[in-house]
Amino acid sequence: MTAATTPTVPIVSCLPSAQCKNKRDLVKTITVPTLVVHGAGDLLLPPAKGRETADLIPGATFKLIAGVGHDIPPGLGKPLTEIVLEHIQSITNVSTET
């Protein structure tokens, strides 16, 4: 696999884990357009950790969501979808308007 096709979810999901050695070095190898979304009210991982993750990834976008903690609440589906679509549009220059 090339760096551009290497799955990043396992890398990012292990960030808070002691099992993930050299996580900073791994995250720095992500070469695909990346969106890091973090809840402003996250008590498990402070928002600064989300920002730190985004800062390690070249060109990454960081979105802090007010009123959200560590979990994704049921009512966040539509707003989160809009955030992801906005990110996809920004990297592909494709409009989803019909």
C-alpha atoms as a PDB file:
ATOM      1  CA  MET A   1       0.000   0.000   0.000  1.00  0.00           C
ATOM      2  CA  THR A   2       1.141   3.521  -0.662  1.00  0.00           C
ATOM      3  CA  ALA A   3       0.878   6.213   1.970  1.00  0.00           C
ATOM      4  CA  ALA A   4      -2.074   7.719   0.116  1.00  0.00           C
ATOM      5  CA  THR A   5      -4.046   4.483   0.312  1.00  0.00           C
ATOM      6  CA  THR A   6      -3.012   3.401   3.791  1.00  0.00           C
ATOM      7  CA  PRO A   7      -6.068   3.282   6.053  1.00  0.00           C
ATOM      8  CA  THR A   8      -5.786   6.045   8.636  1.00  0.00           C
ATOM      9  CA  VAL A   9      -8.631   5.107  10.955  1.00  0.00           C
ATOM     10  CA  PRO A  10      -6.557   2.580  12.945  1.00  0.00           C
ATOM     11  CA  ILE A  11      -3.777   5.143  13.340  1.00  0.00           C
ATOM     12  CA  VAL A  12      -6.045   7.918  14.513  1.00  0.00           C
ATOM     13  CA  SER A  13      -8.196   5.698  16.707  1.00  0.00           C
ATOM     14  CA  CYS A  14      -5.152   4.546  18.669  1.00  0.00           C
ATOM     15  CA  LEU A  15      -3.950   8.060  19.454  1.00  0.00           C
ATOM     16  CA  PRO A  16      -5.027   8.012  23.093  1.00  0.00           C
ATOM     17  CA  SER A  17      -3.793   4.438  23.544  1.00  0.00           C
ATOM     18  CA  ALA A  18      -0.491   3.428  25.079  1.00  0.00           C
ATOM     19  CA  GLN A  19      -0.455   0.565  22.557  1.00  0.00           C
ATOM     20  CA  CYS A  20       0.243   2.953  19.701  1.00  0.00           C
ATOM     21  CA  LYS A  21       3.990   3.618  19.732  1.00  0.00           C
ATOM     22  CA  ASN A  22       5.378   6.636  17.945  1.00  0.00           C
ATOM     23  CA  LYS A  23       1.849   7.817  17.196  1.00  0.00           C
ATOM     24  CA  ARG A  24       3.037  11.295  16.340  1.00  0.00           C
ATOM     25  CA  ASP A  25       5.368   9.883  13.716  1.00  0.00           C
ATOM     26  CA  LEU A  26       2.576   7.710  12.298  1.00  0.00           C
ATOM     27  CA  VAL A  27       0.108  10.574  12.105  1.00  0.00           C
ATOM     28  CA  LYS A  28       2.669  12.756  10.324  1.00  0.00           C
ATOM     29  CA  THR A  29       2.749  10.179   7.517  1.00  0.00           C
ATOM     30  CA  ILE A  30      -0.910  10.737   6.586  1.00  0.00           C
ATOM     31  CA  THR A  31      -0.860  12.240   3.109  1.00  0.00           C
ATOM     32  CA  VAL A  32      -4.529  12.331   2.213  1.00  0.00           C
ATOM     33  CA  PRO A  33      -6.818  15.307   2.874  1.00  0.00           C
ATOM     34  CA  THR A  34      -7.899  14.863   6.477  1.00  0.00           C
ATOM     35  CA  LEU A  35     -10.693  16.275   8.591  1.00  0.00           C
ATOM     36  CA  VAL A  36     -10.296  16.078  12.369  1.00  0.00           C
ATOM     37  CA  VAL A  37     -13.589  16.640  14.198  1.00  0.00           C
ATOM     38  CA  HIS A  38     -13.584  17.108  17.958  1.00  0.00           C
ATOM     39  CA  GLY A  39     -16.237  17.876  20.559  1.00  0.00           C
ATOM     40  CA  ALA A  40     -15.637  21.067  22.511  1.00  0.00           C
ATOM     41  CA  GLY A  41     -16.977  19.398  25.645  1.00  0.00           C
ATOM     42  CA  ASP A  42     -14.878  16.234  25.361  1.00  0.00           C
ATOM     43  CA  LEU A  43     -13.750  15.319  28.893  1.00  0.00           C
ATOM     44  CA  LEU A  44     -11.912  12.143  27.847  1.00  0.00           C
ATOM     45  CA  LEU A  45      -9.636  13.855  25.319  1.00  0.00           C
ATOM     46  CA  PRO A  46      -9.433  17.629  25.624  1.00  0.00           C
ATOM     47  CA  PRO A  47     -10.030  19.627  22.434  1.00  0.00           C
ATOM     48  CA  ALA A  48      -6.358  20.602  22.452  1.00  0.00           C
ATOM     49  CA  LYS A  49      -5.554  16.962  21.624  1.00  0.00           C
ATOM     50  CA  GLY A  50      -7.764  17.117  18.552  1.00  0.00           C
ATOM     51  CA  ARG A  51      -6.057  20.321  17.478  1.00  0.00           C
ATOM     52  CA  GLU A  52      -2.678  18.704  18.113  1.00  0.00           C
ATOM     53  CA  THR A  53      -3.637  15.755  15.914  1.00  0.00           C
ATOM     54  CA  ALA A  54      -4.724  18.064  13.096  1.00  0.00           C
ATOM     55  CA  ASP A  55      -1.519  20.079  13.421  1.00  0.00           C
ATOM     56  CA  LEU A  56       0.533  16.914  12.922  1.00  0.00           C
ATOM     57  CA  ILE A  57      -1.165  16.111   9.604  1.00  0.00           C
ATOM     58  CA  PRO A  58      -0.008  18.309   6.734  1.00  0.00           C
ATOM     59  CA  GLY A  59      -2.930  20.379   5.447  1.00  0.00           C
ATOM     60  CA  ALA A  60      -5.481  18.852   7.820  1.00  0.00           C
ATOM     61  CA  THR A  61      -8.667  20.713   8.682  1.00  0.00           C
ATOM     62  CA  PHE A  62      -9.789  20.925  12.316  1.00  0.00           C
ATOM     63  CA  LYS A  63     -13.426  21.418  13.303  1.00  0.00           C
ATOM     64  CA  LEU A  64     -14.422  21.912  16.919  1.00  0.00           C
ATOM     65  CA  ILE A  65     -18.096  21.238  17.567  1.00  0.00           C
ATOM     66  CA  ALA A  66     -19.703  23.196  20.407  1.00  0.00           C
ATOM     67  CA  GLY A  67     -21.992  21.346  22.795  1.00  0.00           C
ATOM     68  CA  VAL A  68     -20.544  17.934  21.968  1.00  0.00           C
ATOM     69  CA  GLY A  69     -18.477  15.668  24.198  1.00  0.00           C
ATOM     70  CA  HIS A  70     -16.556  12.509  23.357  1.00  0.00           C
ATOM     71  CA  ASP A  71     -19.488  10.585  21.875  1.00  0.00           C
ATOM     72  CA  ILE A  72     -21.569  11.500  18.857  1.00  0.00           C
ATOM     73  CA  PRO A  73     -25.079  12.343  20.073  1.00  0.00           C
ATOM     74  CA  PRO A  74     -28.037  11.177  17.953  1.00  0.00           C
ATOM     75  CA  GLY A  75     -28.975  14.726  16.946  1.00  0.00           C
ATOM     76  CA  LEU A  76     -25.565  15.423  15.437  1.00  0.00           C
ATOM     77  CA  GLY A  77     -26.103  13.264  12.344  1.00  0.00           C
ATOM     78  CA  LYS A  78     -27.160  16.040   9.974  1.00  0.00           C
ATOM     79  CA  PRO A  79     -24.689  18.716  11.163  1.00  0.00           C
ATOM     80  CA  LEU A  80     -21.838  16.197  11.107  1.00  0.00           C
ATOM     81  CA  THR A  81     -22.826  15.109   7.610  1.00  0.00           C
ATOM     82  CA  GLU A  82     -22.735  18.742   6.496  1.00  0.00           C
ATOM     83  CA  ILE A  83     -19.254  19.186   7.998  1.00  0.00           C
ATOM     84  CA  VAL A  84     -17.985  16.090   6.196  1.00  0.00           C
ATOM     85  CA  LEU A  85     -19.620  17.106   2.896  1.00  0.00           C
ATOM     86  CA  GLU A  86     -18.114  20.577   3.169  1.00  0.00           C
ATOM     87  CA  HIS A  87     -14.693  18.987   3.643  1.00  0.00           C
ATOM     88  CA  ILE A  88     -15.166  16.651   0.676  1.00  0.00           C
ATOM     89  CA  GLN A  89     -16.272  19.558  -1.495  1.00  0.00           C
ATOM     90  CA  SER A  90     -13.254  21.602  -0.441  1.00  0.00           C
ATOM     91  CA  ILE A  91     -10.847  18.890  -1.560  1.00  0.00           C
ATOM     92  CA  THR A  92     -12.645  17.833  -4.736  1.00  0.00           C
ATOM     93  CA  ASN A  93     -14.168  21.095  -5.969  1.00  0.00           C
ATOM     94  CA  VAL A  94     -17.390  19.175  -6.537  1.00  0.00           C
ATOM     95  CA  SER A  95     -20.778  20.663  -5.754  1.00  0.00           C
ATOM     96  CA  THR A  96     -23.523  18.476  -4.309  1.00  0.00           C
ATOM     97  CA  GLU A  97     -26.248  20.978  -5.160  1.00  0.00           C
ATOM     98  CA  THR A  98     -28.992  19.565  -7.386  1.00  0.00           C
END
